[in-house]
Amino acid sequence: QVQVEESGGALVQPGGSLRLSCSASGSKFVINAMGWYRQAPEKQRELVAAITRGGTTNYVDSVKGRFTVSGDFAANSVYLQMNRLKPEDTAVYYCITRGDQEGEERDYWGQGTQVTVSS
């Protein structure tokens, strides 16, 4: 069984910063990539940022230059540093871990953490 725990969501003013954290724990699960999705009301879920075990990162265009994803695979942890936040960043942010579990690819998700950017 794999558990994913997130933290860091909050209410923040436009232009402010926030740091999200996520850690996964479990057995027989080798994580190959970790990242963050977000979903705003009435919008589709989108991949915000991701990082592979090899260090390759990927960002949605709207957050490039403002967000930074980092990972500590030895600790099964991933972080999202969010700077110069905008109201359109408001969403529930979900941590995802993707890896191999006994020969099968598996995804495990956090419960979601609310980020609200508003004055």
C-alpha atoms as a PDB file:
ATOM      1  CA  GLN A   1       0.000   0.000   0.000  1.00  0.00           C
ATOM      2  CA  VAL A   2       1.289   3.433  -0.969  1.00  0.00           C
ATOM      3  CA  GLN A   3       0.346   6.581   0.886  1.00  0.00           C
ATOM      4  CA  VAL A   4       0.861  10.061  -0.514  1.00  0.00           C
ATOM      5  CA  GLU A   5       0.775  13.042   1.826  1.00  0.00           C
ATOM      6  CA  GLU A   6       0.632  16.660   0.685  1.00  0.00           C
ATOM      7  CA  SER A   7       0.934  19.956   2.486  1.00  0.00           C
ATOM      8  CA  GLY A   8       1.445  23.643   1.840  1.00  0.00           C
ATOM      9  CA  GLY A   9      -1.786  24.853   0.283  1.00  0.00           C
ATOM     10  CA  ALA A  10      -3.022  28.196   1.552  1.00  0.00           C
ATOM     11  CA  LEU A  11      -4.620  31.532   0.780  1.00  0.00           C
ATOM     12  CA  VAL A  12      -2.035  33.930  -0.629  1.00  0.00           C
ATOM     13  CA  GLN A  13      -2.106  37.383  -2.225  1.00  0.00           C
ATOM     14  CA  PRO A  14      -1.300  37.920  -5.906  1.00  0.00           C
ATOM     15  CA  GLY A  15       2.441  38.188  -6.356  1.00  0.00           C
ATOM     16  CA  GLY A  16       3.099  36.062  -3.310  1.00  0.00           C
ATOM     17  CA  SER A  17       4.847  32.738  -2.953  1.00  0.00           C
ATOM     18  CA  LEU A  18       3.954  29.302  -1.709  1.00  0.00           C
ATOM     19  CA  ARG A  19       5.765  25.987  -1.395  1.00  0.00           C
ATOM     20  CA  LEU A  20       3.960  22.664  -1.718  1.00  0.00           C
ATOM     21  CA  SER A  21       5.423  19.449  -0.345  1.00  0.00           C
ATOM     22  CA  CYS A  22       4.582  15.825  -1.019  1.00  0.00           C
ATOM     23  CA  SER A  23       5.960  12.574   0.354  1.00  0.00           C
ATOM     24  CA  ALA A  24       5.110   8.985  -0.568  1.00  0.00           C
ATOM     25  CA  SER A  25       5.561   5.863   1.501  1.00  0.00           C
ATOM     26  CA  GLY A  26       4.955   2.209   0.786  1.00  0.00           C
ATOM     27  CA  SER A  27       6.488  -1.080  -0.257  1.00  0.00           C
ATOM     28  CA  LYS A  28       7.365  -2.682  -3.607  1.00  0.00           C
ATOM     29  CA  PHE A  29       6.986   0.610  -5.419  1.00  0.00           C
ATOM     30  CA  VAL A  30       9.874   2.176  -7.315  1.00  0.00           C
ATOM     31  CA  ILE A  31       9.079   5.759  -8.200  1.00  0.00           C
ATOM     32  CA  ASN A  32      10.272   6.941 -11.602  1.00  0.00           C
ATOM     33  CA  ALA A  33       8.596  10.325 -11.756  1.00  0.00           C
ATOM     34  CA  MET A  34       6.740  12.711  -9.492  1.00  0.00           C
ATOM     35  CA  GLY A  35       4.757  15.821 -10.183  1.00  0.00           C
ATOM     36  CA  TRP A  36       1.808  18.077  -9.645  1.00  0.00           C
ATOM     37  CA  TYR A  37      -1.562  18.390 -11.328  1.00  0.00           C
ATOM     38  CA  ARG A  38      -4.126  21.070 -10.636  1.00  0.00           C
ATOM     39  CA  GLN A  39      -7.831  21.416 -11.215  1.00  0.00           C
ATOM     40  CA  ALA A  40      -9.834  24.603 -11.006  1.00  0.00           C
ATOM     41  CA  PRO A  41     -13.641  24.669 -10.856  1.00  0.00           C
ATOM     42  CA  GLU A  42     -15.233  23.951 -14.240  1.00  0.00           C
ATOM     43  CA  LYS A  43     -11.835  23.316 -15.801  1.00  0.00           C
ATOM     44  CA  GLN A  44     -10.006  20.185 -16.843  1.00  0.00           C
ATOM     45  CA  ARG A  45      -7.191  18.830 -14.764  1.00  0.00           C
ATOM     46  CA  GLU A  46      -3.801  19.829 -16.119  1.00  0.00           C
ATOM     47  CA  LEU A  47      -0.244  18.802 -15.450  1.00  0.00           C
ATOM     48  CA  VAL A  48       1.576  21.710 -13.845  1.00  0.00           C
ATOM     49  CA  ALA A  49       5.060  20.343 -13.358  1.00  0.00           C
ATOM     50  CA  ALA A  50       6.860  17.031 -13.200  1.00  0.00           C
ATOM     51  CA  ILE A  51      10.319  15.660 -12.554  1.00  0.00           C
ATOM     52  CA  THR A  52      11.865  12.301 -13.388  1.00  0.00           C
ATOM     53  CA  ARG A  53      14.358  10.328 -11.339  1.00  0.00           C
ATOM     54  CA  GLY A  54      16.991  11.426 -13.844  1.00  0.00           C
ATOM     55  CA  GLY A  55      16.246  15.072 -13.144  1.00  0.00           C
ATOM     56  CA  THR A  56      14.325  16.003 -16.279  1.00  0.00           C
ATOM     57  CA  THR A  57      11.614  18.589 -15.592  1.00  0.00           C
ATOM     58  CA  ASN A  58       8.506  19.632 -17.475  1.00  0.00           C
ATOM     59  CA  TYR A  59       6.189  22.610 -16.959  1.00  0.00           C
ATOM     60  CA  VAL A  60       2.953  23.845 -18.409  1.00  0.00           C
ATOM     61  CA  ASP A  61       3.608  27.085 -20.323  1.00  0.00           C
ATOM     62  CA  SER A  62       1.570  29.245 -17.965  1.00  0.00           C
ATOM     63  CA  VAL A  63       3.898  28.611 -15.006  1.00  0.00           C
ATOM     64  CA  LYS A  64       7.289  28.647 -16.713  1.00  0.00           C
ATOM     65  CA  GLY A  65       9.623  31.096 -15.028  1.00  0.00           C
ATOM     66  CA  ARG A  66       7.444  31.257 -11.914  1.00  0.00           C
ATOM     67  CA  PHE A  67       7.253  27.686 -10.594  1.00  0.00           C
ATOM     68  CA  THR A  68      10.077  25.291  -9.831  1.00  0.00           C
ATOM     69  CA  VAL A  69       9.644  21.579  -9.211  1.00  0.00           C
ATOM     70  CA  SER A  70      12.276  19.628  -7.326  1.00  0.00           C
ATOM     71  CA  GLY A  71      12.537  16.083  -6.102  1.00  0.00           C
ATOM     72  CA  ASP A  72      14.307  14.039  -3.491  1.00  0.00           C
ATOM     73  CA  PHE A  73      13.829  10.512  -4.764  1.00  0.00           C
ATOM     74  CA  ALA A  74      15.813   9.008  -1.904  1.00  0.00           C
ATOM     75  CA  ALA A  75      13.129  10.417   0.389  1.00  0.00           C
ATOM     76  CA  ASN A  76      10.245   9.826  -2.064  1.00  0.00           C
ATOM     77  CA  SER A  77       9.462  13.518  -1.919  1.00  0.00           C
ATOM     78  CA  VAL A  78       8.598  16.222  -4.415  1.00  0.00           C
ATOM     79  CA  TYR A  79       8.220  19.961  -3.975  1.00  0.00           C
ATOM     80  CA  LEU A  80       6.695  22.810  -5.921  1.00  0.00           C
ATOM     81  CA  GLN A  81       7.978  26.315  -5.298  1.00  0.00           C
ATOM     82  CA  MET A  82       5.439  28.803  -6.628  1.00  0.00           C
ATOM     83  CA  ASN A  83       6.436  32.433  -7.042  1.00  0.00           C
ATOM     84  CA  ARG A  84       4.647  35.501  -8.420  1.00  0.00           C
ATOM     85  CA  LEU A  85       1.333  33.769  -7.985  1.00  0.00           C
ATOM     86  CA  LYS A  86      -1.653  34.896 -10.026  1.00  0.00           C
ATOM     87  CA  PRO A  87      -5.401  34.497  -9.425  1.00  0.00           C
ATOM     88  CA  GLU A  88      -5.539  32.024 -12.306  1.00  0.00           C
ATOM     89  CA  ASP A  89      -3.254  29.725 -10.313  1.00  0.00           C
ATOM     90  CA  THR A  90      -6.144  29.119  -7.921  1.00  0.00           C
ATOM     91  CA  ALA A  91      -6.932  25.407  -7.933  1.00  0.00           C
ATOM     92  CA  VAL A  92      -6.712  22.186  -6.022  1.00  0.00           C
ATOM     93  CA  TYR A  93      -3.204  20.858  -6.481  1.00  0.00           C
ATOM     94  CA  TYR A  94      -2.641  17.101  -6.543  1.00  0.00           C
ATOM     95  CA  CYS A  95       0.639  15.306  -6.082  1.00  0.00           C
ATOM     96  CA  ILE A  96       1.216  12.292  -8.331  1.00  0.00           C
ATOM     97  CA  THR A  97       3.812   9.572  -8.048  1.00  0.00           C
ATOM     98  CA  ARG A  98       4.402   7.235 -10.990  1.00  0.00           C
ATOM     99  CA  GLY A  99       6.488   4.117 -10.812  1.00  0.00           C
ATOM    100  CA  ASP A 100       6.822   0.383 -11.105  1.00  0.00           C
ATOM    101  CA  GLN A 101       5.087  -1.979  -8.717  1.00  0.00           C
ATOM    102  CA  GLU A 102       5.851  -5.653  -9.288  1.00  0.00           C
ATOM    103  CA  GLY A 103       6.218  -5.187 -13.028  1.00  0.00           C
ATOM    104  CA  GLU A 104       3.243  -2.888 -13.559  1.00  0.00           C
ATOM    105  CA  GLU A 105       3.123   0.875 -13.927  1.00  0.00           C
ATOM    106  CA  ARG A 106       1.132   2.474 -11.149  1.00  0.00           C
ATOM    107  CA  ASP A 107       0.042   5.985 -10.273  1.00  0.00           C
ATOM    108  CA  TYR A 108      -0.632   7.101  -6.722  1.00  0.00           C
ATOM    109  CA  TRP A 109      -2.222  10.410  -5.859  1.00  0.00           C
ATOM    110  CA  GLY A 110      -2.391  12.711  -2.914  1.00  0.00           C
ATOM    111  CA  GLN A 111      -5.698  13.958  -1.580  1.00  0.00           C
ATOM    112  CA  GLY A 112      -5.235  17.456  -2.973  1.00  0.00           C
ATOM    113  CA  THR A 113      -4.381  20.756  -1.349  1.00  0.00           C
ATOM    114  CA  GLN A 114      -6.204  24.016  -2.024  1.00  0.00           C
ATOM    115  CA  VAL A 115      -4.255  26.997  -3.328  1.00  0.00           C
ATOM    116  CA  THR A 116      -6.183  30.247  -3.460  1.00  0.00           C
ATOM    117  CA  VAL A 117      -4.639  33.414  -4.870  1.00  0.00           C
ATOM    118  CA  SER A 118      -6.751  36.422  -4.024  1.00  0.00           C
ATOM    119  CA  SER A 119      -6.539  39.909  -2.574  1.00  0.00           C
END
